[in-house]
Amino acid sequence: MPLNGDVKTFPLAAIVQMIHEERKTGALSVNTPRRRSIIYFRGGKIIHVSGNTDNELKLGTLLRANNLISEDRLQDMVAVAKAMEKRLGTVLLERDYIAPDKLASILQLQVREIVTSMLNWDEAK
């Protein structure tokens, strides 16, 4: 059942809670005039977030902030990821520059912070 509306009428937190309680699987697209993000759910749990991300919530920035990668290595791996058309995390894992559990922890942090930020959007559809 598709839902359409404005967060002023139907707050995003209420939608996320409903999806969680009903254990729904799917995607929730949230748009503002400047941003578009999608929250993906499986069985009511948030499994991924995509879309426009503030710079401080980008994977590389979070890895640096948690001292899991040097700035030089990050820049090199970003260039490699672009050239290979792969995600940064995939390249880091393939080259053993980060342990899978460390990457998973940072990705969980990233998703949590992005969703928390989205919950504060007051002009979204």
PDB file of N, CA and C in Angstrom:
ATOM      1  N   MET A   1       0.839  -1.164   0.000  1.00  0.00           N
ATOM      2  CA  MET A   1       0.000   0.000   0.000  1.00  0.00           C
ATOM      3  C   MET A   1       0.892   1.238   0.000  1.00  0.00           C
ATOM      4  N   PRO A   2       0.972   1.961  -1.106  1.00  0.00           N
ATOM      5  CA  PRO A   2       1.793   3.168  -1.167  1.00  0.00           C
ATOM      6  C   PRO A   2       1.203   4.283  -0.302  1.00  0.00           C
ATOM      7  N   LEU A   3       2.098   5.022   0.351  1.00  0.00           N
ATOM      8  CA  LEU A   3       1.701   6.187   1.134  1.00  0.00           C
ATOM      9  C   LEU A   3       2.312   7.423   0.495  1.00  0.00           C
ATOM     10  N   ASN A   4       1.553   8.481   0.429  1.00  0.00           N
ATOM     11  CA  ASN A   4       2.063   9.763  -0.041  1.00  0.00           C
ATOM     12  C   ASN A   4       1.612  10.814   0.947  1.00  0.00           C
ATOM     13  N   GLY A   5       2.479  11.770   1.206  1.00  0.00           N
ATOM     14  CA  GLY A   5       2.073  12.826   2.106  1.00  0.00           C
ATOM     15  C   GLY A   5       3.222  13.708   2.506  1.00  0.00           C
ATOM     16  N   ASP A   6       2.928  14.558   3.448  1.00  0.00           N
ATOM     17  CA  ASP A   6       3.856  15.557   3.940  1.00  0.00           C
ATOM     18  C   ASP A   6       4.186  15.226   5.392  1.00  0.00           C
ATOM     19  N   VAL A   7       5.444  15.444   5.792  1.00  0.00           N
ATOM     20  CA  VAL A   7       5.829  15.109   7.170  1.00  0.00           C
ATOM     21  C   VAL A   7       5.165  16.005   8.200  1.00  0.00           C
ATOM     22  N   LYS A   8       4.606  17.120   7.772  1.00  0.00           N
ATOM     23  CA  LYS A   8       3.860  17.957   8.708  1.00  0.00           C
ATOM     24  C   LYS A   8       2.529  17.296   9.063  1.00  0.00           C
ATOM     25  N   THR A   9       1.982  16.546   8.121  1.00  0.00           N
ATOM     26  CA  THR A   9       0.712  15.859   8.341  1.00  0.00           C
ATOM     27  C   THR A   9       0.933  14.493   8.976  1.00  0.00           C
ATOM     28  N   PHE A  10       1.937  13.781   8.490  1.00  0.00           N
ATOM     29  CA  PHE A  10       2.221  12.416   8.938  1.00  0.00           C
ATOM     30  C   PHE A  10       3.723  12.347   9.221  1.00  0.00           C
ATOM     31  N   PRO A  11       4.150  12.571  10.461  1.00  0.00           N
ATOM     32  CA  PRO A  11       5.579  12.644  10.778  1.00  0.00           C
ATOM     33  C   PRO A  11       6.348  11.389  10.359  1.00  0.00           C
ATOM     34  N   LEU A  12       7.560  11.614   9.885  1.00  0.00           N
ATOM     35  CA  LEU A  12       8.401  10.521   9.419  1.00  0.00           C
ATOM     36  C   LEU A  12       8.627   9.483  10.521  1.00  0.00           C
ATOM     37  N   ALA A  13       8.793   9.919  11.748  1.00  0.00           N
ATOM     38  CA  ALA A  13       8.992   8.974  12.860  1.00  0.00           C
ATOM     39  C   ALA A  13       7.807   8.029  12.986  1.00  0.00           C
ATOM     40  N   ALA A  14       6.599   8.529  12.775  1.00  0.00           N
ATOM     41  CA  ALA A  14       5.402   7.683  12.859  1.00  0.00           C
ATOM     42  C   ALA A  14       5.375   6.662  11.723  1.00  0.00           C
ATOM     43  N   ILE A  15       5.819   7.082  10.550  1.00  0.00           N
ATOM     44  CA  ILE A  15       5.850   6.156   9.407  1.00  0.00           C
ATOM     45  C   ILE A  15       6.871   5.052   9.648  1.00  0.00           C
ATOM     46  N   VAL A  16       8.057   5.441  10.108  1.00  0.00           N
ATOM     47  CA  VAL A  16       9.112   4.454  10.385  1.00  0.00           C
ATOM     48  C   VAL A  16       8.653   3.493  11.480  1.00  0.00           C
ATOM     49  N   GLN A  17       8.006   4.016  12.512  1.00  0.00           N
ATOM     50  CA  GLN A  17       7.511   3.163  13.593  1.00  0.00           C
ATOM     51  C   GLN A  17       6.448   2.189  13.077  1.00  0.00           C
ATOM     52  N   MET A  18       5.542   2.677  12.218  1.00  0.00           N
ATOM     53  CA  MET A  18       4.507   1.810  11.663  1.00  0.00           C
ATOM     54  C   MET A  18       5.125   0.686  10.824  1.00  0.00           C
ATOM     55  N   ILE A  19       6.110   1.032   9.989  1.00  0.00           N
ATOM     56  CA  ILE A  19       6.781   0.027   9.162  1.00  0.00           C
ATOM     57  C   ILE A  19       7.453  -1.012  10.051  1.00  0.00           C
ATOM     58  N   HIS A  20       8.092  -0.540  11.122  1.00  0.00           N
ATOM     59  CA  HIS A  20       8.759  -1.454  12.051  1.00  0.00           C
ATOM     60  C   HIS A  20       7.753  -2.383  12.735  1.00  0.00           C
ATOM     61  N   GLU A  21       6.687  -1.799  13.278  1.00  0.00           N
ATOM     62  CA  GLU A  21       5.704  -2.594  14.016  1.00  0.00           C
ATOM     63  C   GLU A  21       4.991  -3.609  13.134  1.00  0.00           C
ATOM     64  N   GLU A  22       4.757  -3.245  11.886  1.00  0.00           N
ATOM     65  CA  GLU A  22       4.072  -4.153  10.964  1.00  0.00           C
ATOM     66  C   GLU A  22       5.034  -5.049  10.192  1.00  0.00           C
ATOM     67  N   ARG A  23       6.332  -4.931  10.510  1.00  0.00           N
ATOM     68  CA  ARG A  23       7.375  -5.764   9.911  1.00  0.00           C
ATOM     69  C   ARG A  23       7.318  -5.756   8.377  1.00  0.00           C
ATOM     70  N   LYS A  24       7.180  -4.558   7.830  1.00  0.00           N
ATOM     71  CA  LYS A  24       7.070  -4.396   6.380  1.00  0.00           C
ATOM     72  C   LYS A  24       8.443  -4.465   5.721  1.00  0.00           C
ATOM     73  N   THR A  25       8.458  -4.838   4.453  1.00  0.00           N
ATOM     74  CA  THR A  25       9.646  -4.849   3.615  1.00  0.00           C
ATOM     75  C   THR A  25       9.387  -3.925   2.440  1.00  0.00           C
ATOM     76  N   GLY A  26      10.357  -3.080   2.147  1.00  0.00           N
ATOM     77  CA  GLY A  26      10.198  -2.158   1.032  1.00  0.00           C
ATOM     78  C   GLY A  26      11.092  -0.956   1.192  1.00  0.00           C
ATOM     79  N   ALA A  27      10.737   0.115   0.462  1.00  0.00           N
ATOM     80  CA  ALA A  27      11.537   1.335   0.473  1.00  0.00           C
ATOM     81  C   ALA A  27      10.648   2.533   0.749  1.00  0.00           C
ATOM     82  N   LEU A  28      11.177   3.460   1.523  1.00  0.00           N
ATOM     83  CA  LEU A  28      10.483   4.699   1.843  1.00  0.00           C
ATOM     84  C   LEU A  28      11.313   5.845   1.277  1.00  0.00           C
ATOM     85  N   SER A  29      10.767   6.533   0.292  1.00  0.00           N
ATOM     86  CA  SER A  29      11.442   7.659  -0.339  1.00  0.00           C
ATOM     87  C   SER A  29      11.008   8.945   0.351  1.00  0.00           C
ATOM     88  N   VAL A  30      11.987   9.739   0.765  1.00  0.00           N
ATOM     89  CA  VAL A  30      11.713  11.000   1.457  1.00  0.00           C
ATOM     90  C   VAL A  30      12.412  12.108   0.673  1.00  0.00           C
ATOM     91  N   ASN A  31      11.624  13.104   0.268  1.00  0.00           N
ATOM     92  CA  ASN A  31      12.153  14.157  -0.593  1.00  0.00           C
ATOM     93  C   ASN A  31      11.945  15.535   0.007  1.00  0.00           C
ATOM     94  N   THR A  32      12.956  16.371  -0.121  1.00  0.00           N
ATOM     95  CA  THR A  32      12.854  17.788   0.186  1.00  0.00           C
ATOM     96  C   THR A  32      13.212  18.515  -1.110  1.00  0.00           C
ATOM     97  N   PRO A  33      13.075  19.823  -1.135  1.00  0.00           N
ATOM     98  CA  PRO A  33      13.481  20.535  -2.353  1.00  0.00           C
ATOM     99  C   PRO A  33      14.952  20.329  -2.722  1.00  0.00           C
ATOM    100  N   ARG A  34      15.821  20.064  -1.728  1.00  0.00           N
ATOM    101  CA  ARG A  34      17.256  19.910  -1.991  1.00  0.00           C
ATOM    102  C   ARG A  34      17.775  18.485  -1.853  1.00  0.00           C
ATOM    103  N   ARG A  35      17.005  17.605  -1.257  1.00  0.00           N
ATOM    104  CA  ARG A  35      17.512  16.256  -0.968  1.00  0.00           C
ATOM    105  C   ARG A  35      16.487  15.190  -1.302  1.00  0.00           C
ATOM    106  N   ARG A  36      17.019  14.015  -1.555  1.00  0.00           N
ATOM    107  CA  ARG A  36      16.184  12.831  -1.736  1.00  0.00           C
ATOM    108  C   ARG A  36      16.919  11.659  -1.100  1.00  0.00           C
ATOM    109  N   SER A  37      16.268  10.998  -0.182  1.00  0.00           N
ATOM    110  CA  SER A  37      16.853   9.824   0.461  1.00  0.00           C
ATOM    111  C   SER A  37      15.832   8.701   0.469  1.00  0.00           C
ATOM    112  N   ILE A  38      16.346   7.488   0.487  1.00  0.00           N
ATOM    113  CA  ILE A  38      15.490   6.309   0.524  1.00  0.00           C
ATOM    114  C   ILE A  38      15.944   5.433   1.683  1.00  0.00           C
ATOM    115  N   ILE A  39      14.984   5.043   2.506  1.00  0.00           N
ATOM    116  CA  ILE A  39      15.249   4.121   3.616  1.00  0.00           C
ATOM    117  C   ILE A  39      14.710   2.756   3.186  1.00  0.00           C
ATOM    118  N   TYR A  40      15.537   1.747   3.244  1.00  0.00           N
ATOM    119  CA  TYR A  40      15.142   0.392   2.853  1.00  0.00           C
ATOM    120  C   TYR A  40      14.884  -0.442   4.106  1.00  0.00           C
ATOM    121  N   PHE A  41      13.793  -1.180   4.078  1.00  0.00           N
ATOM    122  CA  PHE A  41      13.380  -2.008   5.205  1.00  0.00           C
ATOM    123  C   PHE A  41      13.282  -3.471   4.785  1.00  0.00           C
ATOM    124  N   ARG A  42      13.600  -4.354   5.708  1.00  0.00           N
ATOM    125  CA  ARG A  42      13.346  -5.790   5.537  1.00  0.00           C
ATOM    126  C   ARG A  42      12.777  -6.291   6.851  1.00  0.00           C
ATOM    127  N   GLY A  43      11.547  -6.763   6.801  1.00  0.00           N
ATOM    128  CA  GLY A  43      10.900  -7.241   8.017  1.00  0.00           C
ATOM    129  C   GLY A  43      10.774  -6.167   9.078  1.00  0.00           C
ATOM    130  N   GLY A  44      10.617  -4.929   8.654  1.00  0.00           N
ATOM    131  CA  GLY A  44      10.459  -3.820   9.583  1.00  0.00           C
ATOM    132  C   GLY A  44      11.751  -3.204  10.084  1.00  0.00           C
ATOM    133  N   LYS A  45      12.878  -3.803   9.743  1.00  0.00           N
ATOM    134  CA  LYS A  45      14.171  -3.283  10.187  1.00  0.00           C
ATOM    135  C   LYS A  45      14.829  -2.492   9.068  1.00  0.00           C
ATOM    136  N   ILE A  46      15.437  -1.388   9.436  1.00  0.00           N
ATOM    137  CA  ILE A  46      16.166  -0.580   8.455  1.00  0.00           C
ATOM    138  C   ILE A  46      17.444  -1.319   8.096  1.00  0.00           C
ATOM    139  N   ILE A  47      17.629  -1.556   6.785  1.00  0.00           N
ATOM    140  CA  ILE A  47      18.815  -2.289   6.353  1.00  0.00           C
ATOM    141  C   ILE A  47      19.778  -1.436   5.529  1.00  0.00           C
ATOM    142  N   HIS A  48      19.273  -0.298   5.003  1.00  0.00           N
ATOM    143  CA  HIS A  48      20.132   0.529   4.156  1.00  0.00           C
ATOM    144  C   HIS A  48      19.481   1.884   3.955  1.00  0.00           C
ATOM    145  N   VAL A  49      20.303   2.881   3.706  1.00  0.00           N
ATOM    146  CA  VAL A  49      19.828   4.217   3.366  1.00  0.00           C
ATOM    147  C   VAL A  49      20.653   4.694   2.183  1.00  0.00           C
ATOM    148  N   SER A  50      19.993   5.281   1.199  1.00  0.00           N
ATOM    149  CA  SER A  50      20.720   5.837   0.067  1.00  0.00           C
ATOM    150  C   SER A  50      20.210   7.230  -0.233  1.00  0.00           C
ATOM    151  N   GLY A  51      20.955   7.933  -1.049  1.00  0.00           N
ATOM    152  CA  GLY A  51      20.539   9.265  -1.459  1.00  0.00           C
ATOM    153  C   GLY A  51      21.546  10.309  -1.061  1.00  0.00           C
ATOM    154  N   ASN A  52      21.092  11.540  -1.061  1.00  0.00           N
ATOM    155  CA  ASN A  52      21.959  12.662  -0.705  1.00  0.00           C
ATOM    156  C   ASN A  52      22.355  12.548   0.758  1.00  0.00           C
ATOM    157  N   THR A  53      23.651  12.600   0.990  1.00  0.00           N
ATOM    158  CA  THR A  53      24.163  12.481   2.354  1.00  0.00           C
ATOM    159  C   THR A  53      25.005  13.704   2.677  1.00  0.00           C
ATOM    160  N   ASP A  54      24.788  14.270   3.849  1.00  0.00           N
ATOM    161  CA  ASP A  54      25.639  15.374   4.289  1.00  0.00           C
ATOM    162  C   ASP A  54      27.077  14.884   4.333  1.00  0.00           C
ATOM    163  N   ASN A  55      28.021  15.762   4.020  1.00  0.00           N
ATOM    164  CA  ASN A  55      29.431  15.371   3.963  1.00  0.00           C
ATOM    165  C   ASN A  55      29.915  14.705   5.236  1.00  0.00           C
ATOM    166  N   GLU A  56      29.456  15.184   6.390  1.00  0.00           N
ATOM    167  CA  GLU A  56      29.945  14.599   7.647  1.00  0.00           C
ATOM    168  C   GLU A  56      29.429  13.182   7.870  1.00  0.00           C
ATOM    169  N   LEU A  57      28.472  12.745   7.056  1.00  0.00           N
ATOM    170  CA  LEU A  57      27.937  11.392   7.198  1.00  0.00           C
ATOM    171  C   LEU A  57      28.385  10.458   6.080  1.00  0.00           C
ATOM    172  N   LYS A  58      29.256  10.909   5.213  1.00  0.00           N
ATOM    173  CA  LYS A  58      29.780  10.049   4.155  1.00  0.00           C
ATOM    174  C   LYS A  58      30.717   9.009   4.770  1.00  0.00           C
ATOM    175  N   LEU A  59      30.801   7.852   4.133  1.00  0.00           N
ATOM    176  CA  LEU A  59      31.587   6.744   4.680  1.00  0.00           C
ATOM    177  C   LEU A  59      33.027   7.147   4.953  1.00  0.00           C
ATOM    178  N   GLY A  60      33.682   7.765   3.993  1.00  0.00           N
ATOM    179  CA  GLY A  60      35.085   8.150   4.176  1.00  0.00           C
ATOM    180  C   GLY A  60      35.275   9.078   5.363  1.00  0.00           C
ATOM    181  N   THR A  61      34.391  10.028   5.522  1.00  0.00           N
ATOM    182  CA  THR A  61      34.480  10.970   6.635  1.00  0.00           C
ATOM    183  C   THR A  61      34.320  10.240   7.964  1.00  0.00           C
ATOM    184  N   LEU A  62      33.389   9.303   8.019  1.00  0.00           N
ATOM    185  CA  LEU A  62      33.190   8.533   9.252  1.00  0.00           C
ATOM    186  C   LEU A  62      34.392   7.630   9.551  1.00  0.00           C
ATOM    187  N   LEU A  63      34.967   7.042   8.510  1.00  0.00           N
ATOM    188  CA  LEU A  63      36.164   6.212   8.706  1.00  0.00           C
ATOM    189  C   LEU A  63      37.311   7.053   9.256  1.00  0.00           C
ATOM    190  N   ARG A  64      37.495   8.240   8.706  1.00  0.00           N
ATOM    191  CA  ARG A  64      38.550   9.145   9.179  1.00  0.00           C
ATOM    192  C   ARG A  64      38.279   9.585  10.619  1.00  0.00           C
ATOM    193  N   ALA A  65      37.045   9.964  10.907  1.00  0.00           N
ATOM    194  CA  ALA A  65      36.691  10.450  12.236  1.00  0.00           C
ATOM    195  C   ALA A  65      36.917   9.388  13.309  1.00  0.00           C
ATOM    196  N   ASN A  66      36.838   8.131  12.916  1.00  0.00           N
ATOM    197  CA  ASN A  66      37.035   7.020  13.851  1.00  0.00           C
ATOM    198  C   ASN A  66      38.425   6.413  13.730  1.00  0.00           C
ATOM    199  N   ASN A  67      39.322   7.124  13.054  1.00  0.00           N
ATOM    200  CA  ASN A  67      40.727   6.714  12.895  1.00  0.00           C
ATOM    201  C   ASN A  67      40.886   5.308  12.317  1.00  0.00           C
ATOM    202  N   LEU A  68      40.026   4.971  11.364  1.00  0.00           N
ATOM    203  CA  LEU A  68      40.110   3.653  10.744  1.00  0.00           C
ATOM    204  C   LEU A  68      40.835   3.681   9.404  1.00  0.00           C
ATOM    205  N   ILE A  69      41.176   4.879   8.929  1.00  0.00           N
ATOM    206  CA  ILE A  69      41.896   5.011   7.673  1.00  0.00           C
ATOM    207  C   ILE A  69      42.609   6.359   7.667  1.00  0.00           C
ATOM    208  N   SER A  70      43.774   6.398   7.038  1.00  0.00           N
ATOM    209  CA  SER A  70      44.482   7.677   6.927  1.00  0.00           C
ATOM    210  C   SER A  70      43.882   8.497   5.787  1.00  0.00           C
ATOM    211  N   GLU A  71      44.109   9.793   5.830  1.00  0.00           N
ATOM    212  CA  GLU A  71      43.593  10.662   4.772  1.00  0.00           C
ATOM    213  C   GLU A  71      44.183  10.286   3.409  1.00  0.00           C
ATOM    214  N   ASP A  72      45.476   9.987   3.373  1.00  0.00           N
ATOM    215  CA  ASP A  72      46.116   9.607   2.100  1.00  0.00           C
ATOM    216  C   ASP A  72      45.520   8.325   1.530  1.00  0.00           C
ATOM    217  N   ARG A  73      45.362   7.319   2.390  1.00  0.00           N
ATOM    218  CA  ARG A  73      44.788   6.061   1.926  1.00  0.00           C
ATOM    219  C   ARG A  73      43.343   6.258   1.484  1.00  0.00           C
ATOM    220  N   LEU A  74      42.604   7.062   2.221  1.00  0.00           N
ATOM    221  CA  LEU A  74      41.217   7.332   1.853  1.00  0.00           C
ATOM    222  C   LEU A  74      41.146   7.946   0.460  1.00  0.00           C
ATOM    223  N   GLN A  75      41.946   8.949   0.206  1.00  0.00           N
ATOM    224  CA  GLN A  75      41.923   9.597  -1.114  1.00  0.00           C
ATOM    225  C   GLN A  75      42.297   8.614  -2.213  1.00  0.00           C
ATOM    226  N   ASP A  76      43.302   7.785  -1.953  1.00  0.00           N
ATOM    227  CA  ASP A  76      43.699   6.758  -2.935  1.00  0.00           C
ATOM    228  C   ASP A  76      42.554   5.783  -3.196  1.00  0.00           C
ATOM    229  N   MET A  77      41.897   5.329  -2.134  1.00  0.00           N
ATOM    230  CA  MET A  77      40.842   4.335  -2.285  1.00  0.00           C
ATOM    231  C   MET A  77      39.579   4.923  -2.918  1.00  0.00           C
ATOM    232  N   VAL A  78      39.303   6.192  -2.658  1.00  0.00           N
ATOM    233  CA  VAL A  78      38.176   6.852  -3.325  1.00  0.00           C
ATOM    234  C   VAL A  78      38.440   6.887  -4.829  1.00  0.00           C
ATOM    235  N   ALA A  79      39.670   7.215  -5.215  1.00  0.00           N
ATOM    236  CA  ALA A  79      40.020   7.248  -6.639  1.00  0.00           C
ATOM    237  C   ALA A  79      39.921   5.853  -7.259  1.00  0.00           C
ATOM    238  N   VAL A  80      40.393   4.841  -6.541  1.00  0.00           N
ATOM    239  CA  VAL A  80      40.307   3.458  -7.034  1.00  0.00           C
ATOM    240  C   VAL A  80      38.851   3.035  -7.182  1.00  0.00           C
ATOM    241  N   ALA A  81      38.045   3.345  -6.175  1.00  0.00           N
ATOM    242  CA  ALA A  81      36.628   2.973  -6.210  1.00  0.00           C
ATOM    243  C   ALA A  81      35.928   3.609  -7.412  1.00  0.00           C
ATOM    244  N   LYS A  82      36.216   4.868  -7.673  1.00  0.00           N
ATOM    245  CA  LYS A  82      35.615   5.545  -8.832  1.00  0.00           C
ATOM    246  C   LYS A  82      36.073   4.901 -10.129  1.00  0.00           C
ATOM    247  N   ALA A  83      37.374   4.650 -10.234  1.00  0.00           N
ATOM    248  CA  ALA A  83      37.919   4.056 -11.458  1.00  0.00           C
ATOM    249  C   ALA A  83      37.354   2.661 -11.707  1.00  0.00           C
ATOM    250  N   MET A  84      37.142   1.902 -10.645  1.00  0.00           N
ATOM    251  CA  MET A  84      36.634   0.537 -10.777  1.00  0.00           C
ATOM    252  C   MET A  84      35.106   0.480 -10.756  1.00  0.00           C
ATOM    253  N   GLU A  85      34.476   1.648 -10.535  1.00  0.00           N
ATOM    254  CA  GLU A  85      33.028   1.729 -10.413  1.00  0.00           C
ATOM    255  C   GLU A  85      32.500   0.776  -9.337  1.00  0.00           C
ATOM    256  N   LYS A  86      33.170   0.843  -8.186  1.00  0.00           N
ATOM    257  CA  LYS A  86      32.786   0.050  -7.027  1.00  0.00           C
ATOM    258  C   LYS A  86      32.567   0.986  -5.854  1.00  0.00           C
ATOM    259  N   ARG A  87      31.894   0.479  -4.861  1.00  0.00           N
ATOM    260  CA  ARG A  87      31.679   1.255  -3.637  1.00  0.00           C
ATOM    261  C   ARG A  87      32.965   1.267  -2.827  1.00  0.00           C
ATOM    262  N   LEU A  88      33.169   2.357  -2.095  1.00  0.00           N
ATOM    263  CA  LEU A  88      34.375   2.512  -1.288  1.00  0.00           C
ATOM    264  C   LEU A  88      34.548   1.352  -0.316  1.00  0.00           C
ATOM    265  N   GLY A  89      33.505   0.978   0.384  1.00  0.00           N
ATOM    266  CA  GLY A  89      33.605  -0.115   1.349  1.00  0.00           C
ATOM    267  C   GLY A  89      34.036  -1.423   0.707  1.00  0.00           C
ATOM    268  N   THR A  90      33.545  -1.688  -0.490  1.00  0.00           N
ATOM    269  CA  THR A  90      33.921  -2.913  -1.209  1.00  0.00           C
ATOM    270  C   THR A  90      35.407  -2.922  -1.517  1.00  0.00           C
ATOM    271  N   VAL A  91      35.924  -1.806  -1.992  1.00  0.00           N
ATOM    272  CA  VAL A  91      37.351  -1.708  -2.320  1.00  0.00           C
ATOM    273  C   VAL A  91      38.198  -1.874  -1.060  1.00  0.00           C
ATOM    274  N   LEU A  92      37.788  -1.254   0.022  1.00  0.00           N
ATOM    275  CA  LEU A  92      38.540  -1.373   1.275  1.00  0.00           C
ATOM    276  C   LEU A  92      38.576  -2.816   1.771  1.00  0.00           C
ATOM    277  N   LEU A  93      37.450  -3.510   1.649  1.00  0.00           N
ATOM    278  CA  LEU A  93      37.415  -4.923   2.063  1.00  0.00           C
ATOM    279  C   LEU A  93      38.271  -5.789   1.144  1.00  0.00           C
ATOM    280  N   GLU A  94      38.153  -5.579  -0.157  1.00  0.00           N
ATOM    281  CA  GLU A  94      38.921  -6.382  -1.121  1.00  0.00           C
ATOM    282  C   GLU A  94      40.423  -6.246  -0.912  1.00  0.00           C
ATOM    283  N   ARG A  95      40.848  -5.094  -0.464  1.00  0.00           N
ATOM    284  CA  ARG A  95      42.280  -4.850  -0.265  1.00  0.00           C
ATOM    285  C   ARG A  95      42.723  -5.054   1.187  1.00  0.00           C
ATOM    286  N   ASP A  96      41.818  -5.564   1.997  1.00  0.00           N
ATOM    287  CA  ASP A  96      42.109  -5.819   3.416  1.00  0.00           C
ATOM    288  C   ASP A  96      42.580  -4.572   4.163  1.00  0.00           C
ATOM    289  N   TYR A  97      42.021  -3.409   3.806  1.00  0.00           N
ATOM    290  CA  TYR A  97      42.355  -2.170   4.507  1.00  0.00           C
ATOM    291  C   TYR A  97      41.435  -1.929   5.693  1.00  0.00           C
ATOM    292  N   ILE A  98      40.378  -2.716   5.797  1.00  0.00           N
ATOM    293  CA  ILE A  98      39.470  -2.598   6.935  1.00  0.00           C
ATOM    294  C   ILE A  98      38.874  -3.977   7.206  1.00  0.00           C
ATOM    295  N   ALA A  99      38.694  -4.298   8.469  1.00  0.00           N
ATOM    296  CA  ALA A  99      38.076  -5.570   8.845  1.00  0.00           C
ATOM    297  C   ALA A  99      36.569  -5.487   8.606  1.00  0.00           C
ATOM    298  N   PRO A 100      35.972  -6.591   8.175  1.00  0.00           N
ATOM    299  CA  PRO A 100      34.526  -6.585   7.910  1.00  0.00           C
ATOM    300  C   PRO A 100      33.689  -6.086   9.091  1.00  0.00           C
ATOM    301  N   ASP A 101      34.060  -6.474  10.319  1.00  0.00           N
ATOM    302  CA  ASP A 101      33.273  -6.032  11.469  1.00  0.00           C
ATOM    303  C   ASP A 101      33.402  -4.534  11.711  1.00  0.00           C
ATOM    304  N   LYS A 102      34.563  -3.960  11.440  1.00  0.00           N
ATOM    305  CA  LYS A 102      34.756  -2.510  11.588  1.00  0.00           C
ATOM    306  C   LYS A 102      33.928  -1.757  10.553  1.00  0.00           C
ATOM    307  N   LEU A 103      33.936  -2.260   9.314  1.00  0.00           N
ATOM    308  CA  LEU A 103      33.137  -1.620   8.268  1.00  0.00           C
ATOM    309  C   LEU A 103      31.657  -1.719   8.606  1.00  0.00           C
ATOM    310  N   ALA A 104      31.209  -2.868   9.061  1.00  0.00           N
ATOM    311  CA  ALA A 104      29.800  -3.044   9.424  1.00  0.00           C
ATOM    312  C   ALA A 104      29.411  -2.076  10.538  1.00  0.00           C
ATOM    313  N   SER A 105      30.283  -1.897  11.503  1.00  0.00           N
ATOM    314  CA  SER A 105      30.015  -0.983  12.607  1.00  0.00           C
ATOM    315  C   SER A 105      29.878   0.462  12.113  1.00  0.00           C
ATOM    316  N   ILE A 106      30.763   0.870  11.219  1.00  0.00           N
ATOM    317  CA  ILE A 106      30.700   2.230  10.674  1.00  0.00           C
ATOM    318  C   ILE A 106      29.465   2.406   9.806  1.00  0.00           C
ATOM    319  N   LEU A 107      29.109   1.391   9.032  1.00  0.00           N
ATOM    320  CA  LEU A 107      27.904   1.479   8.203  1.00  0.00           C
ATOM    321  C   LEU A 107      26.644   1.568   9.063  1.00  0.00           C
ATOM    322  N   GLN A 108      26.626   0.841  10.171  1.00  0.00           N
ATOM    323  CA  GLN A 108      25.487   0.941  11.098  1.00  0.00           C
ATOM    324  C   GLN A 108      25.399   2.348  11.681  1.00  0.00           C
ATOM    325  N   LEU A 109      26.537   2.909  12.046  1.00  0.00           N
ATOM    326  CA  LEU A 109      26.583   4.276  12.555  1.00  0.00           C
ATOM    327  C   LEU A 109      26.073   5.251  11.490  1.00  0.00           C
ATOM    328  N   GLN A 110      26.526   5.057  10.265  1.00  0.00           N
ATOM    329  CA  GLN A 110      26.113   5.925   9.165  1.00  0.00           C
ATOM    330  C   GLN A 110      24.597   5.887   8.970  1.00  0.00           C
ATOM    331  N   VAL A 111      24.023   4.706   8.918  1.00  0.00           N
ATOM    332  CA  VAL A 111      22.576   4.566   8.736  1.00  0.00           C
ATOM    333  C   VAL A 111      21.833   5.223   9.889  1.00  0.00           C
ATOM    334  N   ARG A 112      22.274   4.955  11.107  1.00  0.00           N
ATOM    335  CA  ARG A 112      21.618   5.533  12.290  1.00  0.00           C
ATOM    336  C   ARG A 112      21.649   7.065  12.242  1.00  0.00           C
ATOM    337  N   GLU A 113      22.791   7.638  11.901  1.00  0.00           N
ATOM    338  CA  GLU A 113      22.930   9.091  11.861  1.00  0.00           C
ATOM    339  C   GLU A 113      22.122   9.714  10.719  1.00  0.00           C
ATOM    340  N   ILE A 114      22.093   9.062   9.568  1.00  0.00           N
ATOM    341  CA  ILE A 114      21.316   9.587   8.436  1.00  0.00           C
ATOM    342  C   ILE A 114      19.825   9.570   8.765  1.00  0.00           C
ATOM    343  N   VAL A 115      19.338   8.462   9.310  1.00  0.00           N
ATOM    344  CA  VAL A 115      17.914   8.374   9.643  1.00  0.00           C
ATOM    345  C   VAL A 115      17.567   9.389  10.728  1.00  0.00           C
ATOM    346  N   THR A 116      18.425   9.539  11.730  1.00  0.00           N
ATOM    347  CA  THR A 116      18.184  10.527  12.771  1.00  0.00           C
ATOM    348  C   THR A 116      18.102  11.928  12.173  1.00  0.00           C
ATOM    349  N   SER A 117      18.985  12.227  11.250  1.00  0.00           N
ATOM    350  CA  SER A 117      18.953  13.524  10.571  1.00  0.00           C
ATOM    351  C   SER A 117      17.647  13.702   9.797  1.00  0.00           C
ATOM    352  N   MET A 118      17.229  12.663   9.098  1.00  0.00           N
ATOM    353  CA  MET A 118      15.995  12.727   8.313  1.00  0.00           C
ATOM    354  C   MET A 118      14.775  12.965   9.199  1.00  0.00           C
ATOM    355  N   LEU A 119      14.779  12.406  10.388  1.00  0.00           N
ATOM    356  CA  LEU A 119      13.640  12.577  11.294  1.00  0.00           C
ATOM    357  C   LEU A 119      13.439  14.037  11.695  1.00  0.00           C
ATOM    358  N   ASN A 120      14.469  14.837  11.517  1.00  0.00           N
ATOM    359  CA  ASN A 120      14.378  16.258  11.843  1.00  0.00           C
ATOM    360  C   ASN A 120      13.971  17.132  10.655  1.00  0.00           C
ATOM    361  N   TRP A 121      13.807  16.526   9.493  1.00  0.00           N
ATOM    362  CA  TRP A 121      13.387  17.308   8.326  1.00  0.00           C
ATOM    363  C   TRP A 121      11.936  17.748   8.546  1.00  0.00           C
ATOM    364  N   ASP A 122      11.693  19.030   8.428  1.00  0.00           N
ATOM    365  CA  ASP A 122      10.316  19.504   8.627  1.00  0.00           C
ATOM    366  C   ASP A 122       9.635  19.903   7.324  1.00  0.00           C
ATOM    367  N   GLU A 123      10.346  19.825   6.234  1.00  0.00           N
ATOM    368  CA  GLU A 123       9.794  20.132   4.911  1.00  0.00           C
ATOM    369  C   GLU A 123      10.096  18.958   3.987  1.00  0.00           C
ATOM    370  N   ALA A 124       9.360  17.890   4.106  1.00  0.00           N
ATOM    371  CA  ALA A 124       9.638  16.714   3.271  1.00  0.00           C
ATOM    372  C   ALA A 124       8.322  16.061   2.875  1.00  0.00           C
ATOM    373  N   LYS A 125       8.387  15.355   1.788  1.00  0.00           N
ATOM    374  CA  LYS A 125       7.253  14.585   1.285  1.00  0.00           C
ATOM    375  C   LYS A 125       7.648  13.141   1.118  1.00  0.00           C
TER     376      LYS A 125
END
